[in-house]
C-alpha atoms as a PDB file:
ATOM      1  CA  MET A   1    -278.507  18.928 151.735  1.00  0.00           C
ATOM      2  CA  THR A   2    -279.486  22.566 151.836  1.00  0.00           C
ATOM      3  CA  ILE A   3    -276.674  25.114 152.249  1.00  0.00           C
ATOM      4  CA  ILE A   4    -277.214  28.783 153.089  1.00  0.00           C
ATOM      5  CA  ASP A   5    -274.378  31.315 153.217  1.00  0.00           C
ATOM      6  CA  ARG A   6    -275.672  34.645 154.511  1.00  0.00           C
ATOM      7  CA  LYS A   7    -272.495  36.656 153.961  1.00  0.00           C
ATOM      8  CA  ASN A   8    -271.935  35.541 150.377  1.00  0.00           C
ATOM      9  CA  LYS A   9    -275.656  35.317 149.519  1.00  0.00           C
ATOM     10  CA  PHE A  10    -275.361  31.706 148.350  1.00  0.00           C
ATOM     11  CA  ILE A  11    -277.914  28.868 148.423  1.00  0.00           C
ATOM     12  CA  TYR A  12    -277.318  25.269 147.340  1.00  0.00           C
ATOM     13  CA  LEU A  13    -280.348  23.008 146.904  1.00  0.00           C
ATOM     14  CA  LYS A  14    -279.500  19.312 146.911  1.00  0.00           C
ATOM     15  CA  SER A  15    -281.420  17.455 144.201  1.00  0.00           C
ATOM     16  CA  HIS A  16    -281.692  13.646 144.045  1.00  0.00           C
ATOM     17  CA  LYS A  17    -279.309  11.249 142.248  1.00  0.00           C
ATOM     18  CA  THR A  18    -276.910  13.990 141.091  1.00  0.00           C
ATOM     19  CA  ALA A  19    -273.766  13.379 143.227  1.00  0.00           C
ATOM     20  CA  GLY A  20    -275.182  15.860 145.726  1.00  0.00           C
ATOM     21  CA  THR A  21    -273.387  14.247 148.673  1.00  0.00           C
ATOM     22  CA  SER A  22    -269.997  14.639 147.000  1.00  0.00           C
ATOM     23  CA  THR A  23    -270.878  18.233 146.163  1.00  0.00           C
ATOM     24  CA  GLU A  24    -271.990  19.123 149.686  1.00  0.00           C
ATOM     25  CA  VAL A  25    -268.924  17.533 151.306  1.00  0.00           C
ATOM     26  CA  TYR A  26    -266.647  19.593 149.090  1.00  0.00           C
ATOM     27  CA  LEU A  27    -268.514  22.859 149.595  1.00  0.00           C
ATOM     28  CA  ILE A  28    -268.496  22.485 153.386  1.00  0.00           C
ATOM     29  CA  THR A  29    -265.036  21.041 153.981  1.00  0.00           C
ATOM     30  CA  GLN A  30    -263.084  22.885 151.279  1.00  0.00           C
ATOM     31  CA  THR A  31    -264.800  26.257 150.716  1.00  0.00           C
ATOM     32  CA  GLU A  32    -266.272  29.121 152.711  1.00  0.00           C
ATOM     33  CA  LEU A  33    -269.627  28.742 150.980  1.00  0.00           C
ATOM     34  CA  GLY A  34    -270.680  25.797 153.120  1.00  0.00           C
ATOM     35  CA  ARG A  35    -269.619  26.963 156.558  1.00  0.00           C
ATOM     36  CA  ASP A  36    -272.589  29.003 157.685  1.00  0.00           C
ATOM     37  CA  ILE A  37    -275.935  27.149 157.734  1.00  0.00           C
ATOM     38  CA  TYR A  38    -276.708  23.728 156.343  1.00  0.00           C
ATOM     39  CA  ARG A  39    -278.598  20.458 156.787  1.00  0.00           C
ATOM     40  CA  THR A  40    -276.658  17.287 156.042  1.00  0.00           C
ATOM     41  CA  SER A  41    -277.579  13.649 155.576  1.00  0.00           C
ATOM     42  CA  THR A  42    -277.216  11.239 158.487  1.00  0.00           C
ATOM     43  CA  ASP A  43    -274.638   9.059 156.736  1.00  0.00           C
ATOM     44  CA  ILE A  44    -272.292  11.821 155.616  1.00  0.00           C
ATOM     45  CA  GLU A  45    -269.560  11.012 158.124  1.00  0.00           C
ATOM     46  CA  LYS A  46    -268.368   8.073 156.039  1.00  0.00           C
ATOM     47  CA  TYR A  47    -267.621  10.489 153.202  1.00  0.00           C
ATOM     48  CA  GLY A  48    -265.050  12.304 155.295  1.00  0.00           C
ATOM     49  CA  PHE A  49    -267.271  14.910 156.927  1.00  0.00           C
ATOM     50  CA  PRO A  50    -266.110  16.173 160.344  1.00  0.00           C
ATOM     51  CA  ARG A  51    -268.091  14.398 163.034  1.00  0.00           C
ATOM     52  CA  LYS A  52    -268.708  17.510 165.117  1.00  0.00           C
ATOM     53  CA  ARG A  53    -270.469  19.217 162.185  1.00  0.00           C
ATOM     54  CA  LYS A  54    -272.673  16.299 161.135  1.00  0.00           C
ATOM     55  CA  ASP A  55    -276.458  16.808 161.020  1.00  0.00           C
ATOM     56  CA  ARG A  56    -276.478  20.517 161.674  1.00  0.00           C
ATOM     57  CA  GLU A  57    -279.994  21.828 161.165  1.00  0.00           C
ATOM     58  CA  PHE A  58    -281.951  24.940 161.994  1.00  0.00           C
ATOM     59  CA  ALA A  59    -285.496  26.126 162.517  1.00  0.00           C
ATOM     60  CA  CYS A  60    -287.409  28.316 160.085  1.00  0.00           C
ATOM     61  CA  LEU A  61    -286.043  31.804 159.476  1.00  0.00           C
ATOM     62  CA  GLY A  62    -288.666  33.881 157.665  1.00  0.00           C
ATOM     63  CA  ASP A  63    -288.516  37.618 158.328  1.00  0.00           C
ATOM     64  CA  ALA A  64    -286.424  37.057 161.457  1.00  0.00           C
ATOM     65  CA  LEU A  65    -283.274  36.941 159.331  1.00  0.00           C
ATOM     66  CA  PRO A  66    -280.640  38.818 161.406  1.00  0.00           C
ATOM     67  CA  ASP A  67    -277.541  40.447 160.020  1.00  0.00           C
ATOM     68  CA  CYS A  68    -274.897  37.906 158.989  1.00  0.00           C
ATOM     69  CA  SER A  69    -272.481  39.456 161.471  1.00  0.00           C
ATOM     70  CA  ARG A  70    -274.516  37.784 164.213  1.00  0.00           C
ATOM     71  CA  SER A  71    -273.746  34.187 165.079  1.00  0.00           C
ATOM     72  CA  VAL A  72    -275.727  31.293 163.664  1.00  0.00           C
ATOM     73  CA  LYS A  73    -276.921  30.533 167.185  1.00  0.00           C
ATOM     74  CA  ASP A  74    -278.364  34.038 167.532  1.00  0.00           C
ATOM     75  CA  TRP A  75    -279.922  33.829 164.090  1.00  0.00           C
ATOM     76  CA  VAL A  76    -281.670  30.568 164.867  1.00  0.00           C
ATOM     77  CA  SER A  77    -282.764  31.753 168.309  1.00  0.00           C
ATOM     78  CA  ALA A  78    -284.395  34.801 166.749  1.00  0.00           C
ATOM     79  CA  ALA A  79    -286.235  32.623 164.255  1.00  0.00           C
ATOM     80  CA  LYS A  80    -287.414  30.187 166.927  1.00  0.00           C
ATOM     81  CA  SER A  81    -288.646  32.925 169.226  1.00  0.00           C
ATOM     82  CA  ARG A  82    -290.703  34.432 166.439  1.00  0.00           C
ATOM     83  CA  PHE A  83    -291.929  31.402 164.536  1.00  0.00           C
ATOM     84  CA  GLY A  84    -291.354  28.403 166.792  1.00  0.00           C
ATOM     85  CA  SER A  85    -289.409  25.284 165.799  1.00  0.00           C
ATOM     86  CA  LYS A  86    -292.046  23.376 163.845  1.00  0.00           C
ATOM     87  CA  MET A  87    -290.611  24.078 160.385  1.00  0.00           C
ATOM     88  CA  ARG A  88    -287.001  23.159 159.700  1.00  0.00           C
ATOM     89  CA  ILE A  89    -284.478  23.319 156.920  1.00  0.00           C
ATOM     90  CA  ARG A  90    -284.398  19.858 155.348  1.00  0.00           C
ATOM     91  CA  GLU A  91    -281.736  17.947 153.452  1.00  0.00           C
ATOM     92  CA  HIS A  92    -283.635  17.903 150.126  1.00  0.00           C
ATOM     93  CA  MET A  93    -285.542  21.151 150.123  1.00  0.00           C
ATOM     94  CA  ALA A  94    -287.452  22.662 147.213  1.00  0.00           C
ATOM     95  CA  GLY A  95    -286.716  26.239 146.267  1.00  0.00           C
ATOM     96  CA  ASP A  96    -290.262  27.411 146.921  1.00  0.00           C
ATOM     97  CA  ASN A  97    -290.219  25.953 150.438  1.00  0.00           C
ATOM     98  CA  LEU A  98    -286.852  27.459 151.269  1.00  0.00           C
ATOM     99  CA  ARG A  99    -287.981  30.849 149.986  1.00  0.00           C
ATOM    100  CA  GLU A 100    -290.904  30.676 152.386  1.00  0.00           C
ATOM    101  CA  LEU A 101    -288.543  29.996 155.292  1.00  0.00           C
ATOM    102  CA  VAL A 102    -285.831  32.584 154.619  1.00  0.00           C
ATOM    103  CA  GLY A 103    -288.062  35.282 153.150  1.00  0.00           C
ATOM    104  CA  GLN A 104    -288.460  36.640 149.629  1.00  0.00           C
ATOM    105  CA  ASP A 105    -285.961  39.507 150.020  1.00  0.00           C
ATOM    106  CA  PHE A 106    -283.049  37.344 151.125  1.00  0.00           C
ATOM    107  CA  PHE A 107    -283.961  34.608 148.643  1.00  0.00           C
ATOM    108  CA  ASP A 108    -283.849  37.103 145.763  1.00  0.00           C
ATOM    109  CA  GLN A 109    -280.433  38.358 146.824  1.00  0.00           C
ATOM    110  CA  CYS A 110    -278.863  34.895 146.714  1.00  0.00           C
ATOM    111  CA  LEU A 111    -277.156  32.989 143.942  1.00  0.00           C
ATOM    112  CA  LEU A 112    -279.308  29.849 143.749  1.00  0.00           C
ATOM    113  CA  VAL A 113    -277.448  26.679 142.738  1.00  0.00           C
ATOM    114  CA  THR A 114    -278.582  23.094 142.215  1.00  0.00           C
ATOM    115  CA  SER A 115    -277.330  19.933 140.467  1.00  0.00           C
ATOM    116  CA  ILE A 116    -278.667  18.248 137.328  1.00  0.00           C
ATOM    117  CA  ARG A 117    -278.158  14.949 135.502  1.00  0.00           C
ATOM    118  CA  ASN A 118    -279.244  13.147 132.350  1.00  0.00           C
ATOM    119  CA  PRO A 119    -282.822  12.072 133.255  1.00  0.00           C
ATOM    120  CA  TRP A 120    -282.537   8.653 131.587  1.00  0.00           C
ATOM    121  CA  ASP A 121    -279.401   7.995 133.640  1.00  0.00           C
ATOM    122  CA  ALA A 122    -280.895   9.457 136.820  1.00  0.00           C
ATOM    123  CA  LEU A 123    -283.963   7.214 136.562  1.00  0.00           C
ATOM    124  CA  VAL A 124    -281.806   4.086 136.313  1.00  0.00           C
ATOM    125  CA  SER A 125    -279.830   5.278 139.334  1.00  0.00           C
ATOM    126  CA  SER A 126    -283.061   5.924 141.228  1.00  0.00           C
ATOM    127  CA  TYR A 127    -284.372   2.469 140.349  1.00  0.00           C
ATOM    128  CA  LYS A 128    -281.191   0.769 141.567  1.00  0.00           C
ATOM    129  CA  TRP A 129    -281.262   2.745 144.796  1.00  0.00           C
ATOM    130  CA  GLN A 130    -284.867   1.786 145.468  1.00  0.00           C
ATOM    131  CA  GLN A 131    -284.064  -1.877 144.907  1.00  0.00           C
ATOM    132  CA  GLY A 132    -281.200  -1.685 147.369  1.00  0.00           C
ATOM    133  CA  ARG A 133    -281.240  -1.965 151.118  1.00  0.00           C
ATOM    134  CA  ARG A 134    -281.934   1.713 151.839  1.00  0.00           C
ATOM    135  CA  GLY A 135    -284.821   1.858 149.406  1.00  0.00           C
ATOM    136  CA  ALA A 136    -286.330  -1.515 150.237  1.00  0.00           C
ATOM    137  CA  HIS A 137    -289.260   0.100 152.036  1.00  0.00           C
ATOM    138  CA  SER A 138    -290.499   1.767 148.848  1.00  0.00           C
ATOM    139  CA  GLN A 139    -293.410   0.559 146.755  1.00  0.00           C
ATOM    140  CA  SER A 140    -291.025   0.112 143.836  1.00  0.00           C
ATOM    141  CA  ALA A 141    -288.825  -2.410 145.641  1.00  0.00           C
ATOM    142  CA  GLY A 142    -288.805  -5.741 143.826  1.00  0.00           C
ATOM    143  CA  CYS A 143    -290.524  -4.533 140.655  1.00  0.00           C
ATOM    144  CA  SER A 144    -289.037  -4.608 137.170  1.00  0.00           C
ATOM    145  CA  PHE A 145    -287.509  -1.512 135.628  1.00  0.00           C
ATOM    146  CA  PRO A 146    -290.350  -1.129 133.063  1.00  0.00           C
ATOM    147  CA  ASP A 147    -292.896  -1.291 135.903  1.00  0.00           C
ATOM    148  CA  PHE A 148    -290.872   1.216 137.922  1.00  0.00           C
ATOM    149  CA  LEU A 149    -290.745   3.507 134.916  1.00  0.00           C
ATOM    150  CA  THR A 150    -294.495   3.276 134.369  1.00  0.00           C
ATOM    151  CA  GLN A 151    -295.107   4.216 138.005  1.00  0.00           C
ATOM    152  CA  SER A 152    -292.557   7.025 137.912  1.00  0.00           C
ATOM    153  CA  LEU A 153    -293.969   8.646 134.787  1.00  0.00           C
ATOM    154  CA  ASN A 154    -297.516   8.848 136.165  1.00  0.00           C
ATOM    155  CA  ILE A 155    -298.712  12.434 136.364  1.00  0.00           C
ATOM    156  CA  GLY A 156    -299.731  13.704 139.800  1.00  0.00           C
ATOM    157  CA  ASP A 157    -302.470  16.148 140.741  1.00  0.00           C
ATOM    158  CA  ASN A 158    -300.040  19.042 140.302  1.00  0.00           C
ATOM    159  CA  GLY A 159    -299.508  18.159 136.634  1.00  0.00           C
ATOM    160  CA  VAL A 160    -295.975  16.891 137.234  1.00  0.00           C
ATOM    161  CA  SER A 161    -294.858  13.268 137.053  1.00  0.00           C
ATOM    162  CA  ILE A 162    -293.586  11.417 140.102  1.00  0.00           C
ATOM    163  CA  ALA A 163    -290.156  11.195 138.464  1.00  0.00           C
ATOM    164  CA  GLU A 164    -289.945  14.924 137.710  1.00  0.00           C
ATOM    165  CA  GLU A 165    -291.091  15.834 141.196  1.00  0.00           C
ATOM    166  CA  TYR A 166    -288.483  13.563 142.758  1.00  0.00           C
ATOM    167  CA  LEU A 167    -285.518  14.366 140.535  1.00  0.00           C
ATOM    168  CA  PHE A 168    -285.546  17.958 139.327  1.00  0.00           C
ATOM    169  CA  HIS A 169    -288.796  19.907 139.346  1.00  0.00           C
ATOM    170  CA  PRO A 170    -288.539  21.360 142.891  1.00  0.00           C
ATOM    171  CA  TYR A 171    -284.984  22.538 142.181  1.00  0.00           C
ATOM    172  CA  VAL A 172    -284.951  23.984 138.647  1.00  0.00           C
ATOM    173  CA  SER A 173    -288.446  25.476 138.460  1.00  0.00           C
ATOM    174  CA  GLY A 174    -291.142  26.877 140.655  1.00  0.00           C
ATOM    175  CA  GLU A 175    -293.530  29.733 141.141  1.00  0.00           C
ATOM    176  CA  ASN A 176    -291.778  33.087 140.641  1.00  0.00           C
ATOM    177  CA  TRP A 177    -288.215  31.765 140.843  1.00  0.00           C
ATOM    178  CA  VAL A 178    -285.605  30.133 138.638  1.00  0.00           C
ATOM    179  CA  VAL A 179    -282.256  28.583 139.467  1.00  0.00           C
ATOM    180  CA  ASP A 180    -279.221  30.780 138.748  1.00  0.00           C
ATOM    181  CA  ARG A 181    -276.495  28.169 138.254  1.00  0.00           C
ATOM    182  CA  VAL A 182    -276.291  24.409 137.757  1.00  0.00           C
ATOM    183  CA  ILE A 183    -273.672  21.840 138.727  1.00  0.00           C
ATOM    184  CA  VAL A 184    -273.662  19.196 135.998  1.00  0.00           C
ATOM    185  CA  PHE A 185    -273.268  15.568 137.068  1.00  0.00           C
ATOM    186  CA  GLU A 186    -271.450  14.683 133.844  1.00  0.00           C
ATOM    187  CA  ASP A 187    -268.990  17.569 134.324  1.00  0.00           C
ATOM    188  CA  LEU A 188    -268.920  17.589 138.111  1.00  0.00           C
ATOM    189  CA  SER A 189    -265.452  18.895 138.901  1.00  0.00           C
ATOM    190  CA  ARG A 190    -265.447  21.774 136.449  1.00  0.00           C
ATOM    191  CA  SER A 191    -269.020  22.754 137.323  1.00  0.00           C
ATOM    192  CA  ILE A 192    -268.295  22.970 141.046  1.00  0.00           C
ATOM    193  CA  ASP A 193    -265.045  24.849 140.510  1.00  0.00           C
ATOM    194  CA  ARG A 194    -266.840  27.330 138.260  1.00  0.00           C
ATOM    195  CA  VAL A 195    -269.451  28.129 140.915  1.00  0.00           C
ATOM    196  CA  VAL A 196    -266.878  28.549 143.692  1.00  0.00           C
ATOM    197  CA  GLY A 197    -264.699  30.609 141.368  1.00  0.00           C
ATOM    198  CA  GLU A 198    -267.438  33.194 140.971  1.00  0.00           C
ATOM    199  CA  TYR A 199    -266.799  34.265 144.550  1.00  0.00           C
ATOM    200  CA  GLY A 200    -263.061  34.574 144.072  1.00  0.00           C
ATOM    201  CA  MET A 201    -262.401  32.134 146.884  1.00  0.00           C
ATOM    202  CA  HIS A 202    -259.226  30.148 147.217  1.00  0.00           C
ATOM    203  CA  ASN A 203    -259.923  26.420 146.919  1.00  0.00           C
ATOM    204  CA  ILE A 204    -257.913  23.405 145.878  1.00  0.00           C
ATOM    205  CA  GLY A 205    -260.384  22.287 143.195  1.00  0.00           C
ATOM    206  CA  PHE A 206    -262.822  19.411 143.394  1.00  0.00           C
ATOM    207  CA  SER A 207    -260.619  16.958 141.491  1.00  0.00           C
ATOM    208  CA  ASN A 208    -257.758  17.552 143.959  1.00  0.00           C
ATOM    209  CA  ALA A 209    -259.846  17.155 147.102  1.00  0.00           C
ATOM    210  CA  SER A 210    -260.103  13.336 147.132  1.00  0.00           C
ATOM    211  CA  ILE A 211    -263.861  13.541 147.670  1.00  0.00           C
ATOM    212  CA  TYR A 212    -265.430  10.100 147.500  1.00  0.00           C
ATOM    213  CA  GLU A 213    -267.917   9.809 144.653  1.00  0.00           C
ATOM    214  CA  LYS A 214    -270.677   7.252 144.953  1.00  0.00           C
ATOM    215  CA  ARG A 215    -270.969   4.197 142.732  1.00  0.00           C
ATOM    216  CA  THR A 216    -273.527   6.063 140.629  1.00  0.00           C
ATOM    217  CA  ARG A 217    -270.532   7.616 138.900  1.00  0.00           C
ATOM    218  CA  GLN A 218    -269.562   4.300 137.337  1.00  0.00           C
ATOM    219  CA  LYS A 219    -269.688   4.411 133.569  1.00  0.00           C
ATOM    220  CA  GLU A 220    -272.526   1.959 132.985  1.00  0.00           C
ATOM    221  CA  ASP A 221    -274.440   2.538 129.754  1.00  0.00           C
ATOM    222  CA  TYR A 222    -277.959   3.288 130.985  1.00  0.00           C
ATOM    223  CA  ARG A 223    -279.375   2.676 127.489  1.00  0.00           C
ATOM    224  CA  VAL A 224    -279.387  -1.099 128.048  1.00  0.00           C
ATOM    225  CA  TRP A 225    -282.287  -0.598 130.473  1.00  0.00           C
ATOM    226  CA  TYR A 226    -284.598   1.052 127.941  1.00  0.00           C
ATOM    227  CA  SER A 227    -286.766  -0.051 125.063  1.00  0.00           C
ATOM    228  CA  ASP A 228    -287.231   2.528 122.319  1.00  0.00           C
ATOM    229  CA  ALA A 229    -290.757   3.205 123.570  1.00  0.00           C
ATOM    230  CA  ASP A 230    -289.615   3.674 127.173  1.00  0.00           C
ATOM    231  CA  ALA A 231    -286.844   6.059 126.132  1.00  0.00           C
ATOM    232  CA  GLN A 232    -289.373   8.103 124.183  1.00  0.00           C
ATOM    233  CA  SER A 233    -291.733   8.173 127.144  1.00  0.00           C
ATOM    234  CA  VAL A 234    -289.023   9.653 129.362  1.00  0.00           C
ATOM    235  CA  GLU A 235    -288.213  12.271 126.735  1.00  0.00           C
ATOM    236  CA  GLU A 236    -291.855  13.317 126.556  1.00  0.00           C
ATOM    237  CA  CYS A 237    -292.262  13.352 130.324  1.00  0.00           C
ATOM    238  CA  PHE A 238    -289.158  15.491 130.851  1.00  0.00           C
ATOM    239  CA  SER A 239    -289.817  17.767 127.873  1.00  0.00           C
ATOM    240  CA  SER A 240    -289.818  20.918 130.014  1.00  0.00           C
ATOM    241  CA  PHE A 241    -286.525  20.005 131.701  1.00  0.00           C
ATOM    242  CA  LEU A 242    -284.962  18.927 128.394  1.00  0.00           C
ATOM    243  CA  SER A 243    -285.993  22.187 126.748  1.00  0.00           C
ATOM    244  CA  ARG A 244    -283.599  23.964 129.132  1.00  0.00           C
ATOM    245  CA  PHE A 245    -280.972  21.251 129.584  1.00  0.00           C
ATOM    246  CA  ARG A 246    -280.676  19.406 126.290  1.00  0.00           C
ATOM    247  CA  TYR A 247    -279.404  15.954 127.067  1.00  0.00           C
ATOM    248  CA  ASP A 248    -279.214  13.335 124.327  1.00  0.00           C
ATOM    249  CA  PHE A 249    -280.345   9.789 125.105  1.00  0.00           C
ATOM    250  CA  ASP A 250    -277.644   8.370 122.823  1.00  0.00           C
ATOM    251  CA  SER A 251    -274.795  10.329 124.436  1.00  0.00           C
ATOM    252  CA  PRO A 252    -274.053   8.758 127.849  1.00  0.00           C
ATOM    253  CA  GLN A 253    -271.784  10.752 130.194  1.00  0.00           C
ATOM    254  CA  THR A 254    -272.058  13.821 127.946  1.00  0.00           C
ATOM    255  CA  PRO A 255    -272.954  17.191 129.509  1.00  0.00           C
ATOM    256  CA  PRO A 256    -276.065  18.865 128.131  1.00  0.00           C
ATOM    257  CA  THR A 257    -276.349  21.886 125.922  1.00  0.00           C
ATOM    258  CA  ILE A 258    -277.511  24.659 128.246  1.00  0.00           C
ATOM    259  CA  VAL A 259    -280.176  26.792 126.588  1.00  0.00           C
ATOM    260  CA  SER A 260    -279.567  29.711 128.981  1.00  0.00           C
ATOM    261  CA  PRO A 261    -275.792  30.347 128.972  1.00  0.00           C
ATOM    262  CA  SER A 262    -276.110  32.442 132.152  1.00  0.00           C
ATOM    263  CA  LEU A 263    -276.648  29.195 134.076  1.00  0.00           C
ATOM    264  CA  PHE A 264    -272.994  28.398 133.420  1.00  0.00           C
ATOM    265  CA  GLU A 265    -271.476  31.862 133.777  1.00  0.00           C
END
């Protein structure tokens, strides 16, 4: 999901396989940060999301961004009248694309937040999802994990692997922008509370909110899926990501060392 809070100048970009659904439910139902503009997934109701607020989405905004004192309805109407309704805020939206929609000035004013996860763990989670019912339409359905990994690590025309492009690249890097804060999958509760705490908002804390966390949070040791060569291939493929977020293959469920401390402050 994408969340935009005009008053507090806050943007959350939902990355893949990082407990993003749990994060978005908490931000919207328990904090002020998620109560302005957002795009949610179609199945979010089963995670305790109010039915009347499910699947809220809005047209492109661009330079039509009105003052936050105006209602969301007025804001969207202004955007539609100027740009039409062809482009929309999407659930998983890259930072560069969102910047194009909301405009450079507003984008630069916002605290930009996304979620990260150990890439070796995230790839196993992605593989399992694609083998399941919801991912059965994918080309990877029915293939072995080594074959899935080979496909995922192929480099595309943009110089980025399929796996990087799917998991993290659109959310932690991009042309002329960098993410300001990260919510760490392996330290989910404290990471979320830290971000909300920056705004001085009263909230009960993620661990006290009884937010359902998906089965991806189960403590399976992802290392059993990898040969030494495959583990090395992932490390090489994600070298740029790992240079900023230093995860260790042999330390499951351990948060990374963050090279830029400001991402945690």
